[in-house]
Every structure is written in structure tokens, then in C-alpha cells.
PDB file of all heavy atoms in Angstrom:
ATOM      1  N   VAL A   1     -12.234 -15.594  10.140  1.00  0.00           N
ATOM      2  CA  VAL A   1     -11.546 -15.792  11.416  1.00  0.00           C
ATOM      3  C   VAL A   1     -10.104 -15.309  11.322  1.00  0.00           C
ATOM      4  O   VAL A   1      -9.570 -14.647  12.219  1.00  0.00           O
ATOM      5  CB  VAL A   1     -11.613 -17.278  11.834  1.00  0.00           C
ATOM      6  CG1 VAL A   1     -10.715 -17.513  13.038  1.00  0.00           C
ATOM      7  CG2 VAL A   1     -13.039 -17.669  12.142  1.00  0.00           C
ATOM      8  N   ALA A   2      -9.441 -15.613  10.178  1.00  0.00           N
ATOM      9  CA  ALA A   2      -8.048 -15.182   9.989  1.00  0.00           C
ATOM     10  C   ALA A   2      -7.946 -13.667   9.974  1.00  0.00           C
ATOM     11  O   ALA A   2      -7.041 -13.087  10.579  1.00  0.00           O
ATOM     12  CB  ALA A   2      -7.492 -15.766   8.695  1.00  0.00           C
ATOM     13  N   GLN A   3      -8.903 -13.004   9.278  1.00  0.00           N
ATOM     14  CA  GLN A   3      -8.892 -11.551   9.252  1.00  0.00           C
ATOM     15  C   GLN A   3      -9.132 -10.962  10.633  1.00  0.00           C
ATOM     16  O   GLN A   3      -8.493  -9.995  11.036  1.00  0.00           O
ATOM     17  CB  GLN A   3      -9.944 -11.032   8.280  1.00  0.00           C
ATOM     18  CG  GLN A   3      -9.608 -11.297   6.810  1.00  0.00           C
ATOM     19  CD  GLN A   3     -10.713 -10.832   5.885  1.00  0.00           C
ATOM     20  OE1 GLN A   3     -11.820 -10.575   6.335  1.00  0.00           O
ATOM     21  NE2 GLN A   3     -10.411 -10.755   4.601  1.00  0.00           N
ATOM     22  N   GLN A   4     -10.046 -11.594  11.391  1.00  0.00           N
ATOM     23  CA  GLN A   4     -10.335 -11.101  12.726  1.00  0.00           C
ATOM     24  C   GLN A   4      -9.110 -11.235  13.625  1.00  0.00           C
ATOM     25  O   GLN A   4      -8.776 -10.327  14.389  1.00  0.00           O
ATOM     26  CB  GLN A   4     -11.526 -11.863  13.310  1.00  0.00           C
ATOM     27  CG  GLN A   4     -11.964 -11.334  14.676  1.00  0.00           C
ATOM     28  CD  GLN A   4     -13.194 -12.042  15.188  1.00  0.00           C
ATOM     29  OE1 GLN A   4     -13.680 -12.981  14.560  1.00  0.00           O
ATOM     30  NE2 GLN A   4     -13.677 -11.623  16.332  1.00  0.00           N
ATOM     31  N   VAL A   5      -8.427 -12.378  13.514  1.00  0.00           N
ATOM     32  CA  VAL A   5      -7.216 -12.572  14.313  1.00  0.00           C
ATOM     33  C   VAL A   5      -6.155 -11.550  13.935  1.00  0.00           C
ATOM     34  O   VAL A   5      -5.468 -10.975  14.766  1.00  0.00           O
ATOM     35  CB  VAL A   5      -6.690 -14.012  14.138  1.00  0.00           C
ATOM     36  CG1 VAL A   5      -5.317 -14.156  14.789  1.00  0.00           C
ATOM     37  CG2 VAL A   5      -7.665 -15.007  14.734  1.00  0.00           C
ATOM     38  N   GLN A   6      -6.051 -11.286  12.611  1.00  0.00           N
ATOM     39  CA  GLN A   6      -5.065 -10.328  12.133  1.00  0.00           C
ATOM     40  C   GLN A   6      -5.380  -8.918  12.624  1.00  0.00           C
ATOM     41  O   GLN A   6      -4.495  -8.156  12.993  1.00  0.00           O
ATOM     42  CB  GLN A   6      -5.013 -10.359  10.615  1.00  0.00           C
ATOM     43  CG  GLN A   6      -3.951  -9.419  10.019  1.00  0.00           C
ATOM     44  CD  GLN A   6      -3.923  -9.495   8.519  1.00  0.00           C
ATOM     45  OE1 GLN A   6      -4.740 -10.190   7.903  1.00  0.00           O
ATOM     46  NE2 GLN A   6      -2.990  -8.787   7.915  1.00  0.00           N
ATOM     47  N   VAL A   7      -6.670  -8.554  12.674  1.00  0.00           N
ATOM     48  CA  VAL A   7      -7.055  -7.216  13.080  1.00  0.00           C
ATOM     49  C   VAL A   7      -6.862  -7.029  14.585  1.00  0.00           C
ATOM     50  O   VAL A   7      -6.393  -5.991  15.044  1.00  0.00           O
ATOM     51  CB  VAL A   7      -8.518  -6.938  12.675  1.00  0.00           C
ATOM     52  CG1 VAL A   7      -9.004  -5.644  13.296  1.00  0.00           C
ATOM     53  CG2 VAL A   7      -8.629  -6.877  11.149  1.00  0.00           C
ATOM     54  N   THR A   8      -7.217  -8.040  15.379  1.00  0.00           N
ATOM     55  CA  THR A   8      -7.193  -7.902  16.832  1.00  0.00           C
ATOM     56  C   THR A   8      -5.837  -8.226  17.433  1.00  0.00           C
ATOM     57  O   THR A   8      -5.666  -8.070  18.630  1.00  0.00           O
ATOM     58  CB  THR A   8      -8.264  -8.811  17.457  1.00  0.00           C
ATOM     59  OG1 THR A   8      -8.013 -10.177  17.056  1.00  0.00           O
ATOM     60  CG2 THR A   8      -9.645  -8.403  16.993  1.00  0.00           C
ATOM     61  N   THR A   9      -4.887  -8.709  16.667  1.00  0.00           N
ATOM     62  CA  THR A   9      -3.569  -8.997  17.211  1.00  0.00           C
ATOM     63  C   THR A   9      -2.875  -7.694  17.569  1.00  0.00           C
ATOM     64  O   THR A   9      -2.667  -6.842  16.718  1.00  0.00           O
ATOM     65  CB  THR A   9      -2.717  -9.777  16.192  1.00  0.00           C
ATOM     66  OG1 THR A   9      -3.374 -10.998  15.879  1.00  0.00           O
ATOM     67  CG2 THR A   9      -1.342 -10.062  16.765  1.00  0.00           C
ATOM     68  N   PRO A  10      -2.525  -7.499  18.848  1.00  0.00           N
ATOM     69  CA  PRO A  10      -1.898  -6.220  19.236  1.00  0.00           C
ATOM     70  C   PRO A  10      -0.543  -6.038  18.563  1.00  0.00           C
ATOM     71  O   PRO A  10       0.220  -6.987  18.371  1.00  0.00           O
ATOM     72  CB  PRO A  10      -1.751  -6.355  20.755  1.00  0.00           C
ATOM     73  CG  PRO A  10      -2.692  -7.446  21.150  1.00  0.00           C
ATOM     74  CD  PRO A  10      -2.745  -8.385  19.990  1.00  0.00           C
ATOM     75  N   ARG A  11      -0.255  -4.802  18.222  1.00  0.00           N
ATOM     76  CA  ARG A  11       1.030  -4.465  17.614  1.00  0.00           C
ATOM     77  C   ARG A  11       2.037  -4.175  18.712  1.00  0.00           C
ATOM     78  O   ARG A  11       1.769  -3.393  19.620  1.00  0.00           O
ATOM     79  CB  ARG A  11       0.872  -3.250  16.715  1.00  0.00           C
ATOM     80  CG  ARG A  11       2.167  -2.759  16.096  1.00  0.00           C
ATOM     81  CD  ARG A  11       1.918  -1.540  15.237  1.00  0.00           C
ATOM     82  NE  ARG A  11       3.146  -0.991  14.705  1.00  0.00           N
ATOM     83  CZ  ARG A  11       3.211   0.104  13.945  1.00  0.00           C
ATOM     84  NH1 ARG A  11       2.092   0.738  13.626  1.00  0.00           N
ATOM     85  NH2 ARG A  11       4.377   0.551  13.514  1.00  0.00           N
ATOM     86  N   HIS A  12       3.198  -4.822  18.627  1.00  0.00           N
ATOM     87  CA  HIS A  12       4.221  -4.580  19.634  1.00  0.00           C
ATOM     88  C   HIS A  12       5.039  -3.352  19.264  1.00  0.00           C
ATOM     89  O   HIS A  12       5.524  -3.220  18.140  1.00  0.00           O
ATOM     90  CB  HIS A  12       5.145  -5.793  19.767  1.00  0.00           C
ATOM     91  CG  HIS A  12       6.212  -5.607  20.800  1.00  0.00           C
ATOM     92  ND1 HIS A  12       5.941  -5.623  22.154  1.00  0.00           N
ATOM     93  CD2 HIS A  12       7.548  -5.366  20.679  1.00  0.00           C
ATOM     94  CE1 HIS A  12       7.051  -5.411  22.821  1.00  0.00           C
ATOM     95  NE2 HIS A  12       8.048  -5.252  21.959  1.00  0.00           N
ATOM     96  N   LEU A  13       5.192  -2.438  20.216  1.00  0.00           N
ATOM     97  CA  LEU A  13       5.894  -1.185  19.979  1.00  0.00           C
ATOM     98  C   LEU A  13       7.049  -1.041  20.960  1.00  0.00           C
ATOM     99  O   LEU A  13       6.860  -1.155  22.178  1.00  0.00           O
ATOM    100  CB  LEU A  13       4.957   0.009  20.152  1.00  0.00           C
ATOM    101  CG  LEU A  13       3.797   0.147  19.165  1.00  0.00           C
ATOM    102  CD1 LEU A  13       2.923   1.320  19.558  1.00  0.00           C
ATOM    103  CD2 LEU A  13       4.320   0.327  17.752  1.00  0.00           C
ATOM    104  N   THR A  14       8.231  -0.800  20.421  1.00  0.00           N
ATOM    105  CA  THR A  14       9.354  -0.403  21.262  1.00  0.00           C
ATOM    106  C   THR A  14       9.278   1.105  21.506  1.00  0.00           C
ATOM    107  O   THR A  14       8.473   1.800  20.883  1.00  0.00           O
ATOM    108  CB  THR A  14      10.684  -0.761  20.591  1.00  0.00           C
ATOM    109  OG1 THR A  14      10.801  -0.023  19.355  1.00  0.00           O
ATOM    110  CG2 THR A  14      10.752  -2.256  20.287  1.00  0.00           C
ATOM    111  N   LEU A  15      10.116   1.598  22.405  1.00  0.00           N
ATOM    112  CA  LEU A  15      10.112   3.035  22.685  1.00  0.00           C
ATOM    113  C   LEU A  15      10.480   3.852  21.446  1.00  0.00           C
ATOM    114  O   LEU A  15       9.813   4.866  21.161  1.00  0.00           O
ATOM    115  CB  LEU A  15      11.058   3.344  23.843  1.00  0.00           C
ATOM    116  CG  LEU A  15      11.150   4.816  24.261  1.00  0.00           C
ATOM    117  CD1 LEU A  15       9.784   5.367  24.633  1.00  0.00           C
ATOM    118  CD2 LEU A  15      12.129   4.983  25.421  1.00  0.00           C
ATOM    119  N   PRO A  16      11.516   3.483  20.659  1.00  0.00           N
ATOM    120  CA  PRO A  16      11.778   4.236  19.414  1.00  0.00           C
ATOM    121  C   PRO A  16      10.605   4.200  18.436  1.00  0.00           C
ATOM    122  O   PRO A  16      10.345   5.196  17.744  1.00  0.00           O
ATOM    123  CB  PRO A  16      13.016   3.537  18.832  1.00  0.00           C
ATOM    124  CG  PRO A  16      13.702   2.945  20.021  1.00  0.00           C
ATOM    125  CD  PRO A  16      12.594   2.506  20.932  1.00  0.00           C
ATOM    126  N   ASP A  17       9.883   3.069  18.372  1.00  0.00           N
ATOM    127  CA  ASP A  17       8.700   3.008  17.499  1.00  0.00           C
ATOM    128  C   ASP A  17       7.646   4.021  17.939  1.00  0.00           C
ATOM    129  O   ASP A  17       7.052   4.723  17.108  1.00  0.00           O
ATOM    130  CB  ASP A  17       8.106   1.603  17.508  1.00  0.00           C
ATOM    131  CG  ASP A  17       9.038   0.576  16.882  1.00  0.00           C
ATOM    132  OD1 ASP A  17       9.891   0.976  16.069  1.00  0.00           O
ATOM    133  OD2 ASP A  17       8.927  -0.614  17.213  1.00  0.00           O
ATOM    134  N   ALA A  18       7.416   4.084  19.240  1.00  0.00           N
ATOM    135  CA  ALA A  18       6.412   5.020  19.754  1.00  0.00           C
ATOM    136  C   ALA A  18       6.806   6.464  19.476  1.00  0.00           C
ATOM    137  O   ALA A  18       5.964   7.299  19.105  1.00  0.00           O
ATOM    138  CB  ALA A  18       6.228   4.805  21.260  1.00  0.00           C
ATOM    139  N   ILE A  19       8.089   6.774  19.630  1.00  0.00           N
ATOM    140  CA  ILE A  19       8.549   8.137  19.366  1.00  0.00           C
ATOM    141  C   ILE A  19       8.368   8.488  17.892  1.00  0.00           C
ATOM    142  O   ILE A  19       7.921   9.593  17.547  1.00  0.00           O
ATOM    143  CB  ILE A  19      10.018   8.291  19.795  1.00  0.00           C
ATOM    144  CG1 ILE A  19      10.141   8.162  21.314  1.00  0.00           C
ATOM    145  CG2 ILE A  19      10.585   9.630  19.323  1.00  0.00           C
ATOM    146  CD1 ILE A  19      11.565   8.148  21.812  1.00  0.00           C
ATOM    147  N   GLN A  20       8.701   7.544  17.011  1.00  0.00           N
ATOM    148  CA  GLN A  20       8.580   7.803  15.578  1.00  0.00           C
ATOM    149  C   GLN A  20       7.124   8.011  15.174  1.00  0.00           C
ATOM    150  O   GLN A  20       6.812   8.912  14.373  1.00  0.00           O
ATOM    151  CB  GLN A  20       9.188   6.638  14.789  1.00  0.00           C
ATOM    152  CG  GLN A  20       9.442   6.928  13.321  1.00  0.00           C
ATOM    153  CD  GLN A  20      10.465   8.024  13.106  1.00  0.00           C
ATOM    154  OE1 GLN A  20      11.375   8.183  13.911  1.00  0.00           O
ATOM    155  NE2 GLN A  20      10.315   8.785  12.030  1.00  0.00           N
ATOM    156  N   LEU A  21       6.223   7.213  15.713  1.00  0.00           N
ATOM    157  CA  LEU A  21       4.803   7.370  15.406  1.00  0.00           C
ATOM    158  C   LEU A  21       4.273   8.702  15.936  1.00  0.00           C
ATOM    159  O   LEU A  21       3.465   9.373  15.279  1.00  0.00           O
ATOM    160  CB  LEU A  21       4.005   6.213  15.988  1.00  0.00           C
ATOM    161  CG  LEU A  21       4.179   4.845  15.309  1.00  0.00           C
ATOM    162  CD1 LEU A  21       3.488   3.760  16.115  1.00  0.00           C
ATOM    163  CD2 LEU A  21       3.614   4.886  13.890  1.00  0.00           C
ATOM    164  N   ALA A  22       4.717   9.092  17.119  1.00  0.00           N
ATOM    165  CA  ALA A  22       4.251  10.354  17.694  1.00  0.00           C
ATOM    166  C   ALA A  22       4.716  11.545  16.866  1.00  0.00           C
ATOM    167  O   ALA A  22       3.984  12.535  16.724  1.00  0.00           O
ATOM    168  CB  ALA A  22       4.745  10.480  19.136  1.00  0.00           C
ATOM    169  N   LYS A  23       5.913  11.467  16.297  1.00  0.00           N
ATOM    170  CA  LYS A  23       6.400  12.560  15.458  1.00  0.00           C
ATOM    171  C   LYS A  23       5.495  12.783  14.240  1.00  0.00           C
ATOM    172  O   LYS A  23       5.330  13.914  13.784  1.00  0.00           O
ATOM    173  CB  LYS A  23       7.821  12.263  14.971  1.00  0.00           C
ATOM    174  CG  LYS A  23       8.891  12.421  16.032  1.00  0.00           C
ATOM    175  CD  LYS A  23      10.260  12.133  15.413  1.00  0.00           C
ATOM    176  CE  LYS A  23      11.367  12.271  16.443  1.00  0.00           C
ATOM    177  NZ  LYS A  23      12.699  11.981  15.841  1.00  0.00           N
ATOM    178  N   ALA A  24       4.935  11.711  13.734  1.00  0.00           N
ATOM    179  CA  ALA A  24       4.110  11.825  12.535  1.00  0.00           C
ATOM    180  C   ALA A  24       2.683  12.264  12.840  1.00  0.00           C
ATOM    181  O   ALA A  24       1.944  12.630  11.914  1.00  0.00           O
ATOM    182  CB  ALA A  24       4.089  10.483  11.798  1.00  0.00           C
ATOM    183  N   ASN A  25       2.275  12.264  14.128  1.00  0.00           N
ATOM    184  CA  ASN A  25       0.874  12.524  14.442  1.00  0.00           C
ATOM    185  C   ASN A  25       0.650  13.669  15.421  1.00  0.00           C
ATOM    186  O   ASN A  25      -0.490  14.109  15.587  1.00  0.00           O
ATOM    187  CB  ASN A  25       0.218  11.259  15.019  1.00  0.00           C
ATOM    188  CG  ASN A  25       0.109  10.131  14.012  1.00  0.00           C
ATOM    189  OD1 ASN A  25      -0.768  10.136  13.156  1.00  0.00           O
ATOM    190  ND2 ASN A  25       1.007   9.166  14.091  1.00  0.00           N
ATOM    191  N   GLU A  26       1.717  14.157  16.083  1.00  0.00           N
ATOM    192  CA  GLU A  26       1.538  15.173  17.111  1.00  0.00           C
ATOM    193  C   GLU A  26       1.506  16.561  16.470  1.00  0.00           C
ATOM    194  O   GLU A  26       2.433  16.935  15.755  1.00  0.00           O
ATOM    195  CB  GLU A  26       2.670  15.073  18.121  1.00  0.00           C
ATOM    196  CG  GLU A  26       2.278  15.504  19.524  1.00  0.00           C
ATOM    197  CD  GLU A  26       2.277  17.014  19.664  1.00  0.00           C
ATOM    198  OE1 GLU A  26       3.148  17.656  19.047  1.00  0.00           O
ATOM    199  OE2 GLU A  26       1.412  17.565  20.371  1.00  0.00           O
ATOM    200  N   PRO A  27       0.451  17.364  16.680  1.00  0.00           N
ATOM    201  CA  PRO A  27       0.315  18.641  15.961  1.00  0.00           C
ATOM    202  C   PRO A  27       1.332  19.693  16.370  1.00  0.00           C
ATOM    203  O   PRO A  27       1.766  20.484  15.528  1.00  0.00           O
ATOM    204  CB  PRO A  27      -1.119  19.079  16.304  1.00  0.00           C
ATOM    205  CG  PRO A  27      -1.458  18.352  17.568  1.00  0.00           C
ATOM    206  CD  PRO A  27      -0.726  17.062  17.515  1.00  0.00           C
ATOM    207  N   THR A  28       1.737  19.761  17.637  1.00  0.00           N
ATOM    208  CA  THR A  28       2.711  20.771  18.056  1.00  0.00           C
ATOM    209  C   THR A  28       4.052  20.556  17.363  1.00  0.00           C
ATOM    210  O   THR A  28       4.689  21.508  16.890  1.00  0.00           O
ATOM    211  CB  THR A  28       2.888  20.729  19.579  1.00  0.00           C
ATOM    212  OG1 THR A  28       1.621  20.927  20.217  1.00  0.00           O
ATOM    213  CG2 THR A  28       3.855  21.802  20.037  1.00  0.00           C
ATOM    214  N   PHE A  29       4.477  19.303  17.280  1.00  0.00           N
ATOM    215  CA  PHE A  29       5.733  19.009  16.582  1.00  0.00           C
ATOM    216  C   PHE A  29       5.595  19.309  15.096  1.00  0.00           C
ATOM    217  O   PHE A  29       6.537  19.816  14.469  1.00  0.00           O
ATOM    218  CB  PHE A  29       6.114  17.545  16.802  1.00  0.00           C
ATOM    219  CG  PHE A  29       7.390  17.142  16.115  1.00  0.00           C
ATOM    220  CD1 PHE A  29       8.619  17.484  16.639  1.00  0.00           C
ATOM    221  CD2 PHE A  29       7.349  16.426  14.925  1.00  0.00           C
ATOM    222  CE1 PHE A  29       9.795  17.129  15.998  1.00  0.00           C
ATOM    223  CE2 PHE A  29       8.518  16.056  14.275  1.00  0.00           C
ATOM    224  CZ  PHE A  29       9.748  16.414  14.825  1.00  0.00           C
ATOM    225  N   ALA A  30       4.446  18.992  14.519  1.00  0.00           N
ATOM    226  CA  ALA A  30       4.235  19.282  13.098  1.00  0.00           C
ATOM    227  C   ALA A  30       4.290  20.790  12.838  1.00  0.00           C
ATOM    228  O   ALA A  30       4.842  21.235  11.823  1.00  0.00           O
ATOM    229  CB  ALA A  30       2.897  18.708  12.640  1.00  0.00           C
ATOM    230  N   THR A  31       3.736  21.587  13.754  1.00  0.00           N
ATOM    231  CA  THR A  31       3.799  23.042  13.608  1.00  0.00           C
ATOM    232  C   THR A  31       5.234  23.542  13.701  1.00  0.00           C
ATOM    233  O   THR A  31       5.653  24.416  12.926  1.00  0.00           O
ATOM    234  CB  THR A  31       2.936  23.709  14.685  1.00  0.00           C
ATOM    235  OG1 THR A  31       1.572  23.252  14.563  1.00  0.00           O
ATOM    236  CG2 THR A  31       2.967  25.212  14.558  1.00  0.00           C
ATOM    237  N   ALA A  32       5.995  23.005  14.652  1.00  0.00           N
ATOM    238  CA  ALA A  32       7.400  23.405  14.780  1.00  0.00           C
ATOM    239  C   ALA A  32       8.199  23.017  13.538  1.00  0.00           C
ATOM    240  O   ALA A  32       9.072  23.770  13.087  1.00  0.00           O
ATOM    241  CB  ALA A  32       8.012  22.769  16.026  1.00  0.00           C
ATOM    242  N   LEU A  33       7.904  21.847  12.977  1.00  0.00           N
ATOM    243  CA  LEU A  33       8.593  21.415  11.762  1.00  0.00           C
ATOM    244  C   LEU A  33       8.247  22.333  10.598  1.00  0.00           C
ATOM    245  O   LEU A  33       9.134  22.732   9.822  1.00  0.00           O
ATOM    246  CB  LEU A  33       8.197  19.977  11.439  1.00  0.00           C
ATOM    247  CG  LEU A  33       8.825  19.369  10.167  1.00  0.00           C
ATOM    248  CD1 LEU A  33      10.346  19.363  10.275  1.00  0.00           C
ATOM    249  CD2 LEU A  33       8.293  17.957   9.933  1.00  0.00           C
ATOM    250  N   ALA A  34       6.977  22.700  10.466  1.00  0.00           N
ATOM    251  CA  ALA A  34       6.581  23.613   9.388  1.00  0.00           C
ATOM    252  C   ALA A  34       7.219  24.993   9.567  1.00  0.00           C
ATOM    253  O   ALA A  34       7.645  25.626   8.591  1.00  0.00           O
ATOM    254  CB  ALA A  34       5.056  23.737   9.348  1.00  0.00           C
ATOM    255  N   THR A  35       7.300  25.464  10.805  1.00  0.00           N
ATOM    256  CA  THR A  35       7.934  26.748  11.073  1.00  0.00           C
ATOM    257  C   THR A  35       9.414  26.720  10.695  1.00  0.00           C
ATOM    258  O   THR A  35       9.943  27.673  10.110  1.00  0.00           O
ATOM    259  CB  THR A  35       7.776  27.115  12.554  1.00  0.00           C
ATOM    260  OG1 THR A  35       6.380  27.164  12.890  1.00  0.00           O
ATOM    261  CG2 THR A  35       8.414  28.455  12.858  1.00  0.00           C
ATOM    262  N   GLN A  36      10.085  25.629  11.023  1.00  0.00           N
ATOM    263  CA  GLN A  36      11.513  25.510  10.689  1.00  0.00           C
ATOM    264  C   GLN A  36      11.720  25.494   9.179  1.00  0.00           C
ATOM    265  O   GLN A  36      12.619  26.154   8.650  1.00  0.00           O
ATOM    266  CB  GLN A  36      12.079  24.237  11.328  1.00  0.00           C
ATOM    267  CG  GLN A  36      13.565  24.045  11.138  1.00  0.00           C
ATOM    268  CD  GLN A  36      13.901  23.203   9.917  1.00  0.00           C
ATOM    269  OE1 GLN A  36      13.067  22.412   9.453  1.00  0.00           O
ATOM    270  NE2 GLN A  36      15.092  23.365   9.389  1.00  0.00           N
ATOM    271  N   GLN A  37      10.898  24.745   8.478  1.00  0.00           N
ATOM    272  CA  GLN A  37      11.034  24.684   7.023  1.00  0.00           C
ATOM    273  C   GLN A  37      10.719  26.031   6.383  1.00  0.00           C
ATOM    274  O   GLN A  37      11.377  26.451   5.422  1.00  0.00           O
ATOM    275  CB  GLN A  37      10.118  23.596   6.471  1.00  0.00           C
ATOM    276  CG  GLN A  37      10.534  22.184   6.889  1.00  0.00           C
ATOM    277  CD  GLN A  37       9.537  21.129   6.465  1.00  0.00           C
ATOM    278  OE1 GLN A  37       8.384  21.430   6.151  1.00  0.00           O
ATOM    279  NE2 GLN A  37       9.950  19.874   6.459  1.00  0.00           N
ATOM    280  N   SER A  38       9.712  26.731   6.898  1.00  0.00           N
ATOM    281  CA  SER A  38       9.370  28.049   6.377  1.00  0.00           C
ATOM    282  C   SER A  38      10.494  29.053   6.638  1.00  0.00           C
ATOM    283  O   SER A  38      10.832  29.873   5.777  1.00  0.00           O
ATOM    284  CB  SER A  38       8.065  28.539   7.006  1.00  0.00           C
ATOM    285  OG  SER A  38       7.729  29.828   6.552  1.00  0.00           O
ATOM    286  N   ALA A  39      11.086  29.002   7.835  1.00  0.00           N
ATOM    287  CA  ALA A  39      12.197  29.911   8.149  1.00  0.00           C
ATOM    288  C   ALA A  39      13.409  29.617   7.279  1.00  0.00           C
ATOM    289  O   ALA A  39      14.141  30.546   6.893  1.00  0.00           O
ATOM    290  CB  ALA A  39      12.569  29.786   9.629  1.00  0.00           C
ATOM    291  N   LYS A  40      13.632  28.378   6.954  1.00  0.00           N
ATOM    292  CA  LYS A  40      14.741  28.020   6.062  1.00  0.00           C
ATOM    293  C   LYS A  40      14.527  28.613   4.668  1.00  0.00           C
ATOM    294  O   LYS A  40      15.460  29.118   4.033  1.00  0.00           O
ATOM    295  CB  LYS A  40      14.859  26.497   5.984  1.00  0.00           C
ATOM    296  CG  LYS A  40      16.086  26.008   5.245  1.00  0.00           C
ATOM    297  CD  LYS A  40      16.183  24.498   5.315  1.00  0.00           C
ATOM    298  CE  LYS A  40      17.429  23.991   4.588  1.00  0.00           C
ATOM    299  NZ  LYS A  40      17.516  22.493   4.653  1.00  0.00           N
ATOM    300  N   ILE A  41      13.288  28.576   4.187  1.00  0.00           N
ATOM    301  CA  ILE A  41      12.975  29.181   2.893  1.00  0.00           C
ATOM    302  C   ILE A  41      13.122  30.691   2.955  1.00  0.00           C
ATOM    303  O   ILE A  41      13.618  31.329   2.017  1.00  0.00           O
ATOM    304  CB  ILE A  41      11.556  28.770   2.454  1.00  0.00           C
ATOM    305  CG1 ILE A  41      11.503  27.251   2.185  1.00  0.00           C
ATOM    306  CG2 ILE A  41      11.131  29.530   1.206  1.00  0.00           C
ATOM    307  CD1 ILE A  41      10.120  26.738   1.872  1.00  0.00           C
TER     308      ILE A  41
END
């Protein structure tokens, strides 16, 4: 029951939290980041 409560408890996200999570998962931003790092090299 404790594990179930822990799993189903919604995570509270502020706007900065959402932006930070999106940066780590959005493919277009990841491509732009890779392009910038490659151009720097």
C-alpha cells in the first residue's frame, strides 16, 4: 500500500521545473545543443 501511494502520488512541478525537464527530453533542443558543441570543437 505504501509503495502504491508513493507511485501514484502526483509530482508537483513549478514552471522552472517543467522547463528544466523539457530541456533534457526535447529532441530539437538536444540537436541544437549538439550542433553548438560540435561547432565549438
